[in-house]
Amino acid sequence: MEAAGKNIAEDFVLHVPGRGPMSGEIKGKGAAMARWQRQIDLLGGVPYKAEEYDVAVTDDHVIQLANVTAEFEGKTFTYSTVKVWRVKDGKMVEARAHIFDLYTWDEFWTKLAART
């Protein structure tokens, strides 16, 4: 997690669709890092795995297509996502997540968050 933070600007903004506990607009590098850590904590400390299957890069953007797998209590949850990262001065300043099956994604994180 610390290595990923080196490429994120202090005024970073993360946009995540949906209505669940992992959704919303998260402002600031610290808040985004805390949100990603919360996901790991909800999974019992086991990080989720992102398998990139395509990446496109321009001067100002990185577009990442990935399948993400999370495991919790013997159950596996996989979802597909596109993330559009905006880059400025070599740092990520904004990211927008586009989750293919948003209803299932919201349900998964809502159930995990309700346990805490």
N, C-alpha and C. Protein backbone atom coordinates (compact mmCIF):
# COMPACT_ATOMS: atom_id res chain seq x y z
N MET A 1 0.83 -1.19 0.00
CA MET A 1 0.00 0.00 0.00
C MET A 1 0.88 1.25 0.00
N GLU A 2 1.97 1.22 0.75
CA GLU A 2 2.85 2.38 0.85
C GLU A 2 3.46 2.73 -0.51
N ALA A 3 3.87 1.70 -1.27
CA ALA A 3 4.47 1.94 -2.58
C ALA A 3 3.48 2.62 -3.53
N ALA A 4 2.23 2.21 -3.48
CA ALA A 4 1.21 2.82 -4.35
C ALA A 4 1.01 4.29 -4.01
N GLY A 5 1.12 4.64 -2.77
CA GLY A 5 0.91 6.00 -2.32
C GLY A 5 1.93 6.99 -2.85
N LYS A 6 3.10 6.52 -3.25
CA LYS A 6 4.15 7.41 -3.74
C LYS A 6 3.77 8.09 -5.05
N ASN A 7 2.86 7.48 -5.81
CA ASN A 7 2.47 8.03 -7.11
C ASN A 7 1.15 8.79 -7.07
N ILE A 8 0.64 9.06 -5.88
CA ILE A 8 -0.65 9.72 -5.73
C ILE A 8 -0.44 11.12 -5.16
N ALA A 9 -1.06 12.11 -5.81
CA ALA A 9 -0.96 13.50 -5.37
C ALA A 9 -1.71 13.70 -4.05
N GLU A 10 -1.26 14.68 -3.28
CA GLU A 10 -1.90 14.97 -1.99
C GLU A 10 -3.36 15.38 -2.15
N ASP A 11 -3.70 16.05 -3.27
CA ASP A 11 -5.08 16.49 -3.50
C ASP A 11 -5.87 15.52 -4.38
N PHE A 12 -5.48 14.27 -4.37
CA PHE A 12 -6.11 13.21 -5.16
C PHE A 12 -7.61 13.12 -4.85
N VAL A 13 -8.40 12.82 -5.89
CA VAL A 13 -9.84 12.61 -5.72
C VAL A 13 -10.20 11.28 -6.36
N LEU A 14 -10.91 10.45 -5.61
CA LEU A 14 -11.38 9.14 -6.08
C LEU A 14 -12.90 9.17 -6.17
N HIS A 15 -13.41 8.81 -7.34
CA HIS A 15 -14.85 8.75 -7.57
C HIS A 15 -15.25 7.29 -7.73
N VAL A 16 -16.13 6.81 -6.86
CA VAL A 16 -16.58 5.42 -6.92
C VAL A 16 -18.10 5.43 -6.97
N PRO A 17 -18.69 4.80 -8.00
CA PRO A 17 -20.14 4.82 -8.12
C PRO A 17 -20.82 3.91 -7.10
N GLY A 18 -22.12 4.06 -7.00
CA GLY A 18 -22.90 3.17 -6.15
C GLY A 18 -23.45 3.86 -4.92
N ARG A 19 -24.09 3.03 -4.08
CA ARG A 19 -24.71 3.53 -2.86
C ARG A 19 -24.17 2.84 -1.61
N GLY A 20 -23.24 1.96 -1.78
CA GLY A 20 -22.72 1.19 -0.66
C GLY A 20 -21.65 1.92 0.12
N PRO A 21 -21.09 1.26 1.12
CA PRO A 21 -20.11 1.89 2.01
C PRO A 21 -18.77 2.21 1.35
N MET A 22 -18.48 1.63 0.21
CA MET A 22 -17.22 1.91 -0.49
C MET A 22 -17.41 2.93 -1.60
N SER A 23 -18.61 3.45 -1.75
CA SER A 23 -18.94 4.38 -2.83
C SER A 23 -18.79 5.82 -2.37
N GLY A 24 -18.72 6.70 -3.35
CA GLY A 24 -18.69 8.13 -3.04
C GLY A 24 -17.50 8.83 -3.64
N GLU A 25 -17.37 10.08 -3.28
CA GLU A 25 -16.24 10.89 -3.71
C GLU A 25 -15.31 11.04 -2.52
N ILE A 26 -14.11 10.53 -2.67
CA ILE A 26 -13.14 10.55 -1.59
C ILE A 26 -12.06 11.56 -1.95
N LYS A 27 -11.87 12.56 -1.11
CA LYS A 27 -10.94 13.65 -1.42
C LYS A 27 -9.71 13.58 -0.53
N GLY A 28 -8.55 13.65 -1.17
CA GLY A 28 -7.29 13.66 -0.45
C GLY A 28 -6.60 12.31 -0.49
N LYS A 29 -5.30 12.33 -0.59
CA LYS A 29 -4.51 11.10 -0.64
C LYS A 29 -4.73 10.25 0.61
N GLY A 30 -4.71 10.88 1.77
CA GLY A 30 -4.89 10.15 3.02
C GLY A 30 -6.24 9.46 3.09
N ALA A 31 -7.28 10.16 2.67
CA ALA A 31 -8.63 9.58 2.69
C ALA A 31 -8.75 8.42 1.71
N ALA A 32 -8.14 8.55 0.54
CA ALA A 32 -8.18 7.46 -0.45
C ALA A 32 -7.41 6.24 0.05
N MET A 33 -6.25 6.47 0.63
CA MET A 33 -5.46 5.36 1.16
C MET A 33 -6.21 4.67 2.30
N ALA A 34 -6.89 5.45 3.15
CA ALA A 34 -7.68 4.88 4.25
C ALA A 34 -8.85 4.08 3.70
N ARG A 35 -9.46 4.54 2.64
CA ARG A 35 -10.58 3.82 2.04
C ARG A 35 -10.11 2.48 1.47
N TRP A 36 -8.97 2.47 0.78
CA TRP A 36 -8.44 1.21 0.25
C TRP A 36 -8.05 0.27 1.40
N GLN A 37 -7.50 0.81 2.47
CA GLN A 37 -7.16 -0.01 3.63
C GLN A 37 -8.41 -0.58 4.28
N ARG A 38 -9.49 0.20 4.31
CA ARG A 38 -10.76 -0.29 4.87
C ARG A 38 -11.26 -1.50 4.10
N GLN A 39 -11.11 -1.48 2.78
CA GLN A 39 -11.51 -2.66 2.00
C GLN A 39 -10.71 -3.88 2.45
N ILE A 40 -9.43 -3.73 2.61
CA ILE A 40 -8.58 -4.84 3.05
C ILE A 40 -9.00 -5.29 4.45
N ASP A 41 -9.26 -4.35 5.33
CA ASP A 41 -9.69 -4.69 6.69
C ASP A 41 -11.00 -5.46 6.68
N LEU A 42 -11.95 -5.04 5.83
CA LEU A 42 -13.25 -5.74 5.74
C LEU A 42 -13.07 -7.17 5.23
N LEU A 43 -12.01 -7.39 4.47
CA LEU A 43 -11.71 -8.73 3.96
C LEU A 43 -10.88 -9.54 4.95
N GLY A 44 -10.79 -9.08 6.18
CA GLY A 44 -10.05 -9.81 7.20
C GLY A 44 -8.55 -9.64 7.07
N GLY A 45 -8.12 -8.55 6.43
CA GLY A 45 -6.69 -8.27 6.30
C GLY A 45 -6.05 -8.87 5.07
N VAL A 46 -6.83 -9.56 4.26
CA VAL A 46 -6.30 -10.17 3.04
C VAL A 46 -6.59 -9.24 1.86
N PRO A 47 -5.55 -8.72 1.21
CA PRO A 47 -5.78 -7.80 0.10
C PRO A 47 -6.52 -8.48 -1.06
N TYR A 48 -7.32 -7.70 -1.76
CA TYR A 48 -7.96 -8.18 -2.97
C TYR A 48 -6.91 -8.20 -4.07
N LYS A 49 -7.16 -8.97 -5.13
CA LYS A 49 -6.20 -9.11 -6.22
C LYS A 49 -6.80 -8.54 -7.50
N ALA A 50 -6.06 -7.65 -8.14
CA ALA A 50 -6.49 -7.08 -9.41
C ALA A 50 -5.65 -7.67 -10.53
N GLU A 51 -6.31 -8.26 -11.50
CA GLU A 51 -5.62 -8.82 -12.66
C GLU A 51 -5.92 -7.92 -13.86
N GLU A 52 -4.94 -7.10 -14.21
CA GLU A 52 -5.10 -6.23 -15.37
C GLU A 52 -5.12 -7.06 -16.65
N TYR A 53 -6.05 -6.74 -17.52
CA TYR A 53 -6.03 -7.41 -18.81
C TYR A 53 -5.86 -6.44 -19.97
N ASP A 54 -5.85 -5.15 -19.67
CA ASP A 54 -5.52 -4.16 -20.69
C ASP A 54 -5.25 -2.82 -20.02
N VAL A 55 -4.33 -2.07 -20.58
CA VAL A 55 -4.00 -0.74 -20.09
C VAL A 55 -3.72 0.16 -21.29
N ALA A 56 -4.26 1.37 -21.25
CA ALA A 56 -3.97 2.37 -22.27
C ALA A 56 -3.43 3.60 -21.56
N VAL A 57 -2.41 4.21 -22.16
CA VAL A 57 -1.75 5.34 -21.53
C VAL A 57 -1.64 6.49 -22.52
N THR A 58 -2.02 7.69 -22.07
CA THR A 58 -1.79 8.92 -22.83
C THR A 58 -0.96 9.85 -21.95
N ASP A 59 -0.73 11.06 -22.41
CA ASP A 59 0.03 12.01 -21.59
C ASP A 59 -0.70 12.35 -20.30
N ASP A 60 -2.04 12.33 -20.33
CA ASP A 60 -2.82 12.79 -19.20
C ASP A 60 -3.64 11.71 -18.49
N HIS A 61 -3.72 10.51 -19.05
CA HIS A 61 -4.59 9.48 -18.48
C HIS A 61 -3.97 8.09 -18.56
N VAL A 62 -4.39 7.27 -17.62
CA VAL A 62 -4.13 5.82 -17.66
C VAL A 62 -5.49 5.16 -17.53
N ILE A 63 -5.80 4.29 -18.48
CA ILE A 63 -7.07 3.56 -18.45
C ILE A 63 -6.73 2.10 -18.18
N GLN A 64 -7.27 1.58 -17.10
CA GLN A 64 -6.94 0.23 -16.64
C GLN A 64 -8.20 -0.63 -16.64
N LEU A 65 -8.14 -1.75 -17.35
CA LEU A 65 -9.22 -2.74 -17.34
C LEU A 65 -8.73 -3.92 -16.52
N ALA A 66 -9.54 -4.33 -15.55
CA ALA A 66 -9.09 -5.39 -14.64
C ALA A 66 -10.24 -6.23 -14.14
N ASN A 67 -9.92 -7.44 -13.79
CA ASN A 67 -10.81 -8.31 -13.03
C ASN A 67 -10.26 -8.33 -11.61
N VAL A 68 -11.12 -8.09 -10.64
CA VAL A 68 -10.70 -8.01 -9.24
C VAL A 68 -11.34 -9.17 -8.48
N THR A 69 -10.54 -9.84 -7.69
CA THR A 69 -11.02 -10.97 -6.90
C THR A 69 -10.77 -10.70 -5.42
N ALA A 70 -11.82 -10.88 -4.63
CA ALA A 70 -11.73 -10.74 -3.18
C ALA A 70 -12.21 -12.05 -2.57
N GLU A 71 -11.55 -12.47 -1.51
CA GLU A 71 -11.94 -13.69 -0.82
C GLU A 71 -12.24 -13.37 0.63
N PHE A 72 -13.33 -13.98 1.12
CA PHE A 72 -13.70 -13.76 2.51
C PHE A 72 -14.46 -14.98 3.00
N GLU A 73 -13.96 -15.56 4.09
CA GLU A 73 -14.59 -16.72 4.72
C GLU A 73 -14.91 -17.82 3.71
N GLY A 74 -13.93 -18.11 2.86
CA GLY A 74 -14.08 -19.20 1.90
C GLY A 74 -14.91 -18.88 0.67
N LYS A 75 -15.43 -17.68 0.58
CA LYS A 75 -16.21 -17.28 -0.58
C LYS A 75 -15.38 -16.35 -1.45
N THR A 76 -15.54 -16.49 -2.75
CA THR A 76 -14.82 -15.66 -3.70
C THR A 76 -15.79 -14.74 -4.43
N PHE A 77 -15.41 -13.49 -4.52
CA PHE A 77 -16.19 -12.49 -5.23
C PHE A 77 -15.29 -11.87 -6.29
N THR A 78 -15.73 -11.93 -7.55
CA THR A 78 -14.96 -11.36 -8.65
C THR A 78 -15.81 -10.35 -9.40
N TYR A 79 -15.21 -9.24 -9.72
CA TYR A 79 -15.90 -8.23 -10.51
C TYR A 79 -14.94 -7.61 -11.52
N SER A 80 -15.49 -7.06 -12.59
CA SER A 80 -14.70 -6.39 -13.62
C SER A 80 -14.86 -4.89 -13.47
N THR A 81 -13.80 -4.18 -13.76
CA THR A 81 -13.80 -2.73 -13.59
C THR A 81 -12.92 -2.05 -14.63
N VAL A 82 -13.27 -0.82 -14.91
CA VAL A 82 -12.41 0.07 -15.69
C VAL A 82 -12.12 1.25 -14.77
N LYS A 83 -10.85 1.56 -14.62
CA LYS A 83 -10.47 2.74 -13.85
C LYS A 83 -9.80 3.73 -14.80
N VAL A 84 -10.24 4.96 -14.72
CA VAL A 84 -9.64 6.03 -15.50
C VAL A 84 -8.90 6.93 -14.53
N TRP A 85 -7.58 6.92 -14.64
CA TRP A 85 -6.72 7.69 -13.76
C TRP A 85 -6.26 8.94 -14.52
N ARG A 86 -6.38 10.11 -13.91
CA ARG A 86 -5.89 11.35 -14.51
C ARG A 86 -4.53 11.66 -13.88
N VAL A 87 -3.56 11.97 -14.74
CA VAL A 87 -2.19 12.19 -14.31
C VAL A 87 -1.79 13.65 -14.55
N LYS A 88 -1.10 14.23 -13.57
CA LYS A 88 -0.57 15.58 -13.71
C LYS A 88 0.79 15.62 -13.02
N ASP A 89 1.78 16.11 -13.73
CA ASP A 89 3.14 16.22 -13.18
C ASP A 89 3.64 14.89 -12.62
N GLY A 90 3.30 13.80 -13.30
CA GLY A 90 3.79 12.48 -12.91
C GLY A 90 3.08 11.84 -11.74
N LYS A 91 2.02 12.46 -11.24
CA LYS A 91 1.26 11.92 -10.11
C LYS A 91 -0.19 11.68 -10.50
N MET A 92 -0.81 10.69 -9.89
CA MET A 92 -2.23 10.44 -10.08
C MET A 92 -2.99 11.50 -9.29
N VAL A 93 -3.85 12.28 -9.97
CA VAL A 93 -4.58 13.34 -9.29
C VAL A 93 -6.07 13.03 -9.16
N GLU A 94 -6.54 12.05 -9.96
CA GLU A 94 -7.96 11.71 -9.92
C GLU A 94 -8.15 10.31 -10.50
N ALA A 95 -9.13 9.61 -9.96
CA ALA A 95 -9.48 8.29 -10.51
C ALA A 95 -10.99 8.14 -10.49
N ARG A 96 -11.51 7.54 -11.55
CA ARG A 96 -12.93 7.21 -11.64
C ARG A 96 -13.04 5.71 -11.89
N ALA A 97 -13.73 5.05 -10.99
CA ALA A 97 -13.97 3.60 -11.13
C ALA A 97 -15.29 3.39 -11.85
N HIS A 98 -15.30 2.47 -12.77
CA HIS A 98 -16.51 2.07 -13.47
C HIS A 98 -16.64 0.56 -13.28
N ILE A 99 -17.60 0.16 -12.47
CA ILE A 99 -17.75 -1.24 -12.09
C ILE A 99 -18.87 -1.85 -12.92
N PHE A 100 -18.58 -2.98 -13.57
CA PHE A 100 -19.51 -3.56 -14.52
C PHE A 100 -20.81 -4.02 -13.88
N ASP A 101 -20.73 -4.70 -12.73
CA ASP A 101 -21.93 -5.19 -12.04
C ASP A 101 -22.05 -4.44 -10.72
N LEU A 102 -22.50 -3.22 -10.81
CA LEU A 102 -22.52 -2.33 -9.65
C LEU A 102 -23.42 -2.81 -8.53
N TYR A 103 -24.57 -3.39 -8.85
CA TYR A 103 -25.50 -3.85 -7.82
C TYR A 103 -24.86 -4.95 -6.97
N THR A 104 -24.21 -5.91 -7.60
CA THR A 104 -23.57 -7.00 -6.87
C THR A 104 -22.39 -6.47 -6.05
N TRP A 105 -21.63 -5.53 -6.61
CA TRP A 105 -20.50 -4.94 -5.92
C TRP A 105 -20.97 -4.21 -4.65
N ASP A 106 -22.01 -3.38 -4.79
CA ASP A 106 -22.57 -2.69 -3.63
C ASP A 106 -23.04 -3.67 -2.57
N GLU A 107 -23.73 -4.71 -2.98
CA GLU A 107 -24.26 -5.71 -2.04
C GLU A 107 -23.13 -6.39 -1.28
N PHE A 108 -22.08 -6.77 -1.98
CA PHE A 108 -20.95 -7.46 -1.36
C PHE A 108 -20.34 -6.60 -0.25
N TRP A 109 -19.99 -5.34 -0.56
CA TRP A 109 -19.34 -4.48 0.42
C TRP A 109 -20.29 -4.06 1.53
N THR A 110 -21.57 -3.92 1.22
CA THR A 110 -22.57 -3.57 2.24
C THR A 110 -22.67 -4.68 3.28
N LYS A 111 -22.70 -5.93 2.81
CA LYS A 111 -22.79 -7.07 3.75
C LYS A 111 -21.54 -7.14 4.62
N LEU A 112 -20.36 -6.93 4.03
CA LEU A 112 -19.14 -6.98 4.84
C LEU A 112 -19.10 -5.85 5.85
N ALA A 113 -19.48 -4.65 5.44
CA ALA A 113 -19.45 -3.51 6.35
C ALA A 113 -20.44 -3.67 7.49
N ALA A 114 -21.55 -4.33 7.26
CA ALA A 114 -22.56 -4.53 8.30
C ALA A 114 -22.05 -5.43 9.42
N ARG A 115 -21.03 -6.20 9.14
CA ARG A 115 -20.49 -7.14 10.14
C ARG A 115 -19.62 -6.43 11.16
N THR A 116 -19.20 -5.21 10.87
CA THR A 116 -18.27 -4.52 11.79
C THR A 116 -19.00 -3.60 12.73
